[in-house]
C-alpha atoms as a PDB file:
ATOM      1  CA  GLY A   1      74.507  24.025   3.572  1.00  0.00           C
ATOM      2  CA  VAL A   2      77.260  23.667   6.133  1.00  0.00           C
ATOM      3  CA  ARG A   3      77.277  24.233   9.912  1.00  0.00           C
ATOM      4  CA  THR A   4      79.889  24.167  12.654  1.00  0.00           C
ATOM      5  CA  THR A   5      79.511  24.705  16.407  1.00  0.00           C
ATOM      6  CA  TYR A   6      82.043  25.801  19.006  1.00  0.00           C
ATOM      7  CA  GLY A   7      80.930  24.898  22.500  1.00  0.00           C
ATOM      8  CA  GLU A   8      81.639  24.169  26.114  1.00  0.00           C
ATOM      9  CA  VAL A   9      79.425  21.759  28.039  1.00  0.00           C
ATOM     10  CA  PHE A  10      81.175  21.302  31.386  1.00  0.00           C
ATOM     11  CA  ASP A  11      82.920  23.943  33.412  1.00  0.00           C
ATOM     12  CA  ARG A  12      86.673  23.510  32.969  1.00  0.00           C
ATOM     13  CA  LYS A  13      87.006  22.702  36.686  1.00  0.00           C
ATOM     14  CA  ASP A  14      84.638  19.738  36.465  1.00  0.00           C
ATOM     15  CA  ARG A  15      85.999  16.270  35.829  1.00  0.00           C
ATOM     16  CA  ILE A  16      84.242  13.694  33.679  1.00  0.00           C
ATOM     17  CA  ALA A  17      83.811  10.195  35.061  1.00  0.00           C
ATOM     18  CA  VAL A  18      81.273   7.669  33.768  1.00  0.00           C
ATOM     19  CA  TRP A  19      80.780   4.530  35.867  1.00  0.00           C
ATOM     20  CA  ASP A  20      79.201   1.331  34.580  1.00  0.00           C
ATOM     21  CA  GLU A  21      78.313  -1.404  37.087  1.00  0.00           C
ATOM     22  CA  GLY A  22      80.895  -0.187  39.564  1.00  0.00           C
ATOM     23  CA  GLN A  23      83.727   0.126  37.054  1.00  0.00           C
ATOM     24  CA  ALA A  24      85.096   3.252  35.411  1.00  0.00           C
ATOM     25  CA  ALA A  25      83.943   3.504  31.805  1.00  0.00           C
ATOM     26  CA  THR A  26      86.123   6.521  31.030  1.00  0.00           C
ATOM     27  CA  SER A  27      89.480   7.790  32.061  1.00  0.00           C
ATOM     28  CA  SER A  28      88.872  10.761  34.379  1.00  0.00           C
ATOM     29  CA  ALA A  29      89.517  13.921  32.385  1.00  0.00           C
ATOM     30  CA  HIS A  30      88.505  17.525  31.860  1.00  0.00           C
ATOM     31  CA  ARG A  31      86.242  18.489  29.003  1.00  0.00           C
ATOM     32  CA  GLU A  32      87.618  21.403  27.015  1.00  0.00           C
ATOM     33  CA  ARG A  33      86.206  24.085  24.783  1.00  0.00           C
ATOM     34  CA  GLY A  34      86.365  23.400  21.081  1.00  0.00           C
ATOM     35  CA  ALA A  35      84.610  22.729  17.788  1.00  0.00           C
ATOM     36  CA  GLY A  36      82.229  19.822  18.107  1.00  0.00           C
ATOM     37  CA  GLY A  37      82.031  18.930  14.447  1.00  0.00           C
ATOM     38  CA  LEU A  38      81.419  20.049  10.892  1.00  0.00           C
ATOM     39  CA  VAL A  39      77.921  19.300   9.598  1.00  0.00           C
ATOM     40  CA  LEU A  40      77.022  19.126   5.899  1.00  0.00           C
ATOM     41  CA  ARG A  41      73.280  19.524   5.341  1.00  0.00           C
ATOM     42  CA  HIS A  42      70.774  19.232   2.528  1.00  0.00           C
ATOM     43  CA  LYS A  43      67.207  20.399   3.196  1.00  0.00           C
ATOM     44  CA  TRP A  44      64.099  20.298   1.052  1.00  0.00           C
ATOM     45  CA  ALA A  45      60.852  21.954   2.163  1.00  0.00           C
ATOM     46  CA  ALA A  46      57.524  22.849   0.563  1.00  0.00           C
ATOM     47  CA  PRO A  47      54.332  24.589   1.728  1.00  0.00           C
ATOM     48  CA  ILE A  48      51.482  22.320   2.797  1.00  0.00           C
ATOM     49  CA  SER A  49      49.115  25.176   3.661  1.00  0.00           C
ATOM     50  CA  ARG A  50      49.179  28.961   3.789  1.00  0.00           C
ATOM     51  CA  ALA A  51      50.961  28.972   7.179  1.00  0.00           C
ATOM     52  CA  ALA A  52      52.732  25.590   7.320  1.00  0.00           C
ATOM     53  CA  ARG A  53      55.644  23.875   5.623  1.00  0.00           C
ATOM     54  CA  ALA A  54      57.004  20.320   5.687  1.00  0.00           C
ATOM     55  CA  GLY A  55      60.304  18.971   4.508  1.00  0.00           C
ATOM     56  CA  LEU A  56      63.146  16.490   4.681  1.00  0.00           C
ATOM     57  CA  LEU A  57      66.681  16.999   5.969  1.00  0.00           C
ATOM     58  CA  THR A  58      69.848  14.948   5.467  1.00  0.00           C
ATOM     59  CA  GLU A  59      72.897  15.696   7.626  1.00  0.00           C
ATOM     60  CA  LEU A  60      76.435  14.327   7.631  1.00  0.00           C
ATOM     61  CA  LYS A  61      78.420  15.196  10.793  1.00  0.00           C
ATOM     62  CA  LEU A  62      82.183  14.986  10.509  1.00  0.00           C
ATOM     63  CA  PRO A  63      84.125  14.936  13.818  1.00  0.00           C
ATOM     64  CA  ALA A  64      86.342  17.919  14.556  1.00  0.00           C
ATOM     65  CA  GLY A  65      87.219  17.681  18.264  1.00  0.00           C
ATOM     66  CA  ASP A  66      90.294  15.938  19.581  1.00  0.00           C
ATOM     67  CA  ARG A  67      89.923  12.915  21.817  1.00  0.00           C
ATOM     68  CA  GLU A  68      91.440  14.966  24.642  1.00  0.00           C
ATOM     69  CA  ASP A  69      88.680  17.576  24.310  1.00  0.00           C
ATOM     70  CA  LEU A  70      85.942  15.092  25.282  1.00  0.00           C
ATOM     71  CA  LEU A  71      83.561  17.465  23.520  1.00  0.00           C
ATOM     72  CA  THR A  72      82.249  15.197  20.787  1.00  0.00           C
ATOM     73  CA  GLY A  73      82.392  11.552  19.794  1.00  0.00           C
ATOM     74  CA  ARG A  74      84.983  10.637  17.192  1.00  0.00           C
ATOM     75  CA  THR A  75      82.314   9.270  14.890  1.00  0.00           C
ATOM     76  CA  THR A  76      80.812  10.178  11.537  1.00  0.00           C
ATOM     77  CA  ASP A  77      77.025  10.472  11.868  1.00  0.00           C
ATOM     78  CA  LEU A  78      74.448  10.327   9.076  1.00  0.00           C
ATOM     79  CA  ALA A  79      70.976  11.625   9.977  1.00  0.00           C
ATOM     80  CA  PHE A  80      67.641  11.676   8.147  1.00  0.00           C
ATOM     81  CA  ALA A  81      64.881  13.938   9.524  1.00  0.00           C
ATOM     82  CA  GLY A  82      61.325  14.948   8.799  1.00  0.00           C
ATOM     83  CA  LEU A  83      60.611  18.654   9.347  1.00  0.00           C
ATOM     84  CA  PHE A  84      57.474  20.669  10.089  1.00  0.00           C
ATOM     85  CA  SER A  85      56.975  24.383  10.747  1.00  0.00           C
ATOM     86  CA  ALA A  86      53.921  26.596  11.141  1.00  0.00           C
ATOM     87  CA  GLN A  87      53.482  30.351  11.447  1.00  0.00           C
ATOM     88  CA  THR A  88      51.109  31.657  14.116  1.00  0.00           C
ATOM     89  CA  GLY A  89      51.264  35.424  14.332  1.00  0.00           C
ATOM     90  CA  PRO A  90      54.912  36.502  14.723  1.00  0.00           C
ATOM     91  CA  VAL A  91      55.933  33.104  16.143  1.00  0.00           C
ATOM     92  CA  THR A  92      57.128  30.170  14.050  1.00  0.00           C
ATOM     93  CA  VAL A  93      56.672  26.752  15.682  1.00  0.00           C
ATOM     94  CA  HIS A  94      58.922  23.966  14.435  1.00  0.00           C
ATOM     95  CA  ALA A  95      59.320  20.241  15.037  1.00  0.00           C
ATOM     96  CA  ASN A  96      61.512  17.484  13.684  1.00  0.00           C
ATOM     97  CA  ALA A  97      61.904  13.737  14.055  1.00  0.00           C
ATOM     98  CA  ALA A  98      65.083  11.975  12.937  1.00  0.00           C
ATOM     99  CA  VAL A  99      67.012   8.739  12.883  1.00  0.00           C
ATOM    100  CA  VAL A 100      70.799   8.985  13.335  1.00  0.00           C
ATOM    101  CA  LEU A 101      73.249   6.381  12.015  1.00  0.00           C
ATOM    102  CA  PRO A 102      76.655   6.631  13.755  1.00  0.00           C
ATOM    103  CA  PHE A 103      79.699   5.112  12.057  1.00  0.00           C
ATOM    104  CA  GLY A 104      82.945   4.274  13.812  1.00  0.00           C
ATOM    105  CA  SER A 105      83.806   4.216  17.507  1.00  0.00           C
ATOM    106  CA  PRO A 106      84.019   7.242  19.815  1.00  0.00           C
ATOM    107  CA  ASP A 107      87.228   5.803  21.382  1.00  0.00           C
ATOM    108  CA  GLU A 108      86.421   7.562  24.669  1.00  0.00           C
ATOM    109  CA  PHE A 109      85.507   4.579  26.822  1.00  0.00           C
ATOM    110  CA  LEU A 110      87.577   1.887  28.461  1.00  0.00           C
ATOM    111  CA  GLN A 111      84.910  -0.739  27.815  1.00  0.00           C
ATOM    112  CA  ASP A 112      83.044  -1.892  24.713  1.00  0.00           C
ATOM    113  CA  ASP A 113      81.418   1.197  23.179  1.00  0.00           C
ATOM    114  CA  ARG A 114      79.805  -0.150  20.013  1.00  0.00           C
ATOM    115  CA  LEU A 115      77.164   2.202  18.657  1.00  0.00           C
ATOM    116  CA  ARG A 116      73.700   1.633  17.222  1.00  0.00           C
ATOM    117  CA  PRO A 117      71.255   3.820  15.249  1.00  0.00           C
ATOM    118  CA  PHE A 118      69.020   5.955  17.458  1.00  0.00           C
ATOM    119  CA  PRO A 119      65.979   8.251  17.122  1.00  0.00           C
ATOM    120  CA  ALA A 120      66.030  11.963  17.951  1.00  0.00           C
ATOM    121  CA  GLY A 121      63.544  14.806  17.897  1.00  0.00           C
ATOM    122  CA  ALA A 122      62.955  18.437  18.811  1.00  0.00           C
ATOM    123  CA  LEU A 123      60.106  20.899  19.358  1.00  0.00           C
ATOM    124  CA  GLY A 124      60.609  24.646  19.488  1.00  0.00           C
ATOM    125  CA  ALA A 125      59.528  28.149  18.549  1.00  0.00           C
ATOM    126  CA  ALA A 126      61.211  31.225  17.068  1.00  0.00           C
ATOM    127  CA  LEU A 127      60.263  34.887  17.622  1.00  0.00           C
ATOM    128  CA  PRO A 128      61.879  37.689  15.586  1.00  0.00           C
ATOM    129  CA  ILE A 129      62.855  40.647  17.792  1.00  0.00           C
ATOM    130  CA  ALA A 130      64.666  42.720  15.152  1.00  0.00           C
ATOM    131  CA  ARG A 131      65.148  42.757  11.402  1.00  0.00           C
ATOM    132  CA  ARG A 132      67.999  40.229  11.523  1.00  0.00           C
ATOM    133  CA  VAL A 133      67.636  38.752  15.012  1.00  0.00           C
ATOM    134  CA  ALA A 134      65.346  36.019  16.358  1.00  0.00           C
ATOM    135  CA  VAL A 135      65.061  34.327  19.746  1.00  0.00           C
ATOM    136  CA  VAL A 136      64.621  30.539  19.623  1.00  0.00           C
ATOM    137  CA  ALA A 137      63.507  28.212  22.426  1.00  0.00           C
ATOM    138  CA  GLN A 138      63.713  24.446  21.925  1.00  0.00           C
ATOM    139  CA  VAL A 139      63.379  21.155  23.758  1.00  0.00           C
ATOM    140  CA  GLU A 140      65.217  18.196  22.208  1.00  0.00           C
ATOM    141  CA  ALA A 141      65.716  14.553  23.095  1.00  0.00           C
ATOM    142  CA  ASN A 142      67.361  11.434  21.726  1.00  0.00           C
ATOM    143  CA  ALA A 143      67.719   7.791  22.601  1.00  0.00           C
ATOM    144  CA  SER A 144      71.134   6.385  23.447  1.00  0.00           C
ATOM    145  CA  ALA A 145      73.564   5.242  20.775  1.00  0.00           C
ATOM    146  CA  PHE A 146      75.353   2.909  23.208  1.00  0.00           C
ATOM    147  CA  ALA A 147      74.249  -0.705  23.078  1.00  0.00           C
ATOM    148  CA  GLU A 148      76.760  -2.124  25.577  1.00  0.00           C
ATOM    149  CA  LEU A 149      77.359   0.548  28.224  1.00  0.00           C
ATOM    150  CA  GLY A 150      74.595   0.185  30.799  1.00  0.00           C
ATOM    151  CA  ALA A 151      75.287   3.606  32.326  1.00  0.00           C
ATOM    152  CA  LEU A 152      74.592   5.314  28.993  1.00  0.00           C
ATOM    153  CA  ARG A 153      71.551   3.398  27.741  1.00  0.00           C
ATOM    154  CA  ASP A 154      68.925   5.888  28.914  1.00  0.00           C
ATOM    155  CA  PRO A 155      67.544   8.659  26.661  1.00  0.00           C
ATOM    156  CA  VAL A 156      68.748  12.224  27.158  1.00  0.00           C
ATOM    157  CA  ALA A 157      66.881  15.527  26.865  1.00  0.00           C
ATOM    158  CA  ALA A 158      67.816  19.203  27.009  1.00  0.00           C
ATOM    159  CA  ALA A 159      66.227  22.653  26.787  1.00  0.00           C
ATOM    160  CA  THR A 160      67.953  25.460  24.888  1.00  0.00           C
ATOM    161  CA  VAL A 161      67.400  29.187  24.390  1.00  0.00           C
ATOM    162  CA  ALA A 162      69.299  30.834  21.536  1.00  0.00           C
ATOM    163  CA  ALA A 163      69.767  34.173  19.797  1.00  0.00           C
ATOM    164  CA  ARG A 164      70.004  33.751  16.014  1.00  0.00           C
ATOM    165  CA  LEU A 165      71.580  36.538  13.956  1.00  0.00           C
ATOM    166  CA  ARG A 166      71.470  36.682  10.162  1.00  0.00           C
ATOM    167  CA  ILE A 167      74.857  38.065   9.145  1.00  0.00           C
ATOM    168  CA  LEU A 168      74.798  37.265   5.445  1.00  0.00           C
ATOM    169  CA  ASP A 169      72.008  36.690   2.970  1.00  0.00           C
ATOM    170  CA  ALA A 170      72.589  32.961   3.440  1.00  0.00           C
ATOM    171  CA  GLY A 171      74.342  32.825   6.825  1.00  0.00           C
ATOM    172  CA  HIS A 172      73.378  32.666  10.511  1.00  0.00           C
ATOM    173  CA  LEU A 173      75.328  33.077  13.741  1.00  0.00           C
ATOM    174  CA  THR A 174      73.725  31.416  16.782  1.00  0.00           C
ATOM    175  CA  PHE A 175      74.597  31.785  20.460  1.00  0.00           C
ATOM    176  CA  ALA A 176      72.855  29.178  22.626  1.00  0.00           C
ATOM    177  CA  LEU A 177      72.453  28.537  26.348  1.00  0.00           C
ATOM    178  CA  GLY A 178      70.959  25.274  27.561  1.00  0.00           C
ATOM    179  CA  ARG A 179      70.359  22.919  30.443  1.00  0.00           C
ATOM    180  CA  GLY A 180      70.072  19.155  30.555  1.00  0.00           C
ATOM    181  CA  LEU A 181      66.685  17.789  31.569  1.00  0.00           C
ATOM    182  CA  ALA A 182      67.123  14.010  31.693  1.00  0.00           C
ATOM    183  CA  GLY A 183      69.683  11.259  31.166  1.00  0.00           C
ATOM    184  CA  PRO A 184      72.918  10.094  32.793  1.00  0.00           C
ATOM    185  CA  LEU A 185      75.060  12.660  30.993  1.00  0.00           C
ATOM    186  CA  SER A 186      72.630  15.588  31.129  1.00  0.00           C
ATOM    187  CA  THR A 187      74.627  18.639  32.100  1.00  0.00           C
ATOM    188  CA  ASP A 188      73.637  21.445  34.415  1.00  0.00           C
ATOM    189  CA  PHE A 189      74.599  24.022  31.831  1.00  0.00           C
ATOM    190  CA  HIS A 190      76.001  24.271  28.324  1.00  0.00           C
ATOM    191  CA  ARG A 191      76.761  27.081  25.926  1.00  0.00           C
ATOM    192  CA  SER A 192      77.754  27.152  22.285  1.00  0.00           C
ATOM    193  CA  LEU A 193      78.388  29.433  19.331  1.00  0.00           C
ATOM    194  CA  GLY A 194      77.424  28.145  15.896  1.00  0.00           C
ATOM    195  CA  PHE A 195      77.751  29.334  12.313  1.00  0.00           C
ATOM    196  CA  GLU A 196      75.574  28.083   9.466  1.00  0.00           C
ATOM    197  CA  LEU A 197      75.921  28.844   5.776  1.00  0.00           C
ATOM    198  CA  GLU A 198      73.165  27.918   3.356  1.00  0.00           C
ATOM    199  CA  PHE A 199      73.791  27.373  -0.344  1.00  0.00           C
END
């Protein structure tokens, strides 16, 4: 499948400034709205019981945002994830654990910004509220990809609530609202609109 997300993390009036040991690690700038990236996905899943499924997911994220947008790193990321989901009444609970391999440099920092592989994971639940609409709540976290920038070494976490609309037999449109929970770059609020096509 393929997925792309259009989002805004910071209010347009807010300025971004990351400081590392008393020195500016970024040029002060505004973060803009824009497409964060194009994600190519391949997922395999199989039932492990009457109500549960397990699977594997491979994702390749291709950068789409401009450097001036400060919306996404200018890196190509390869991710491998284990998936689990279980049905309990009308609610589907899902979890995943992944390792992400970033390639390239984000080119957003004034200092050394070499990247390293990092783990990520999520836990959530989905509740259908109409024939083609479901509400999804999820908590996700990941370790830092930055090996050299002390200000960005801590893990980050966020909580998200989303409305997921099936618009084609193999397509979904998702509108998400979220809030950062932990980490130096956790944001007070973020919102995004995503489209996913499965084939």
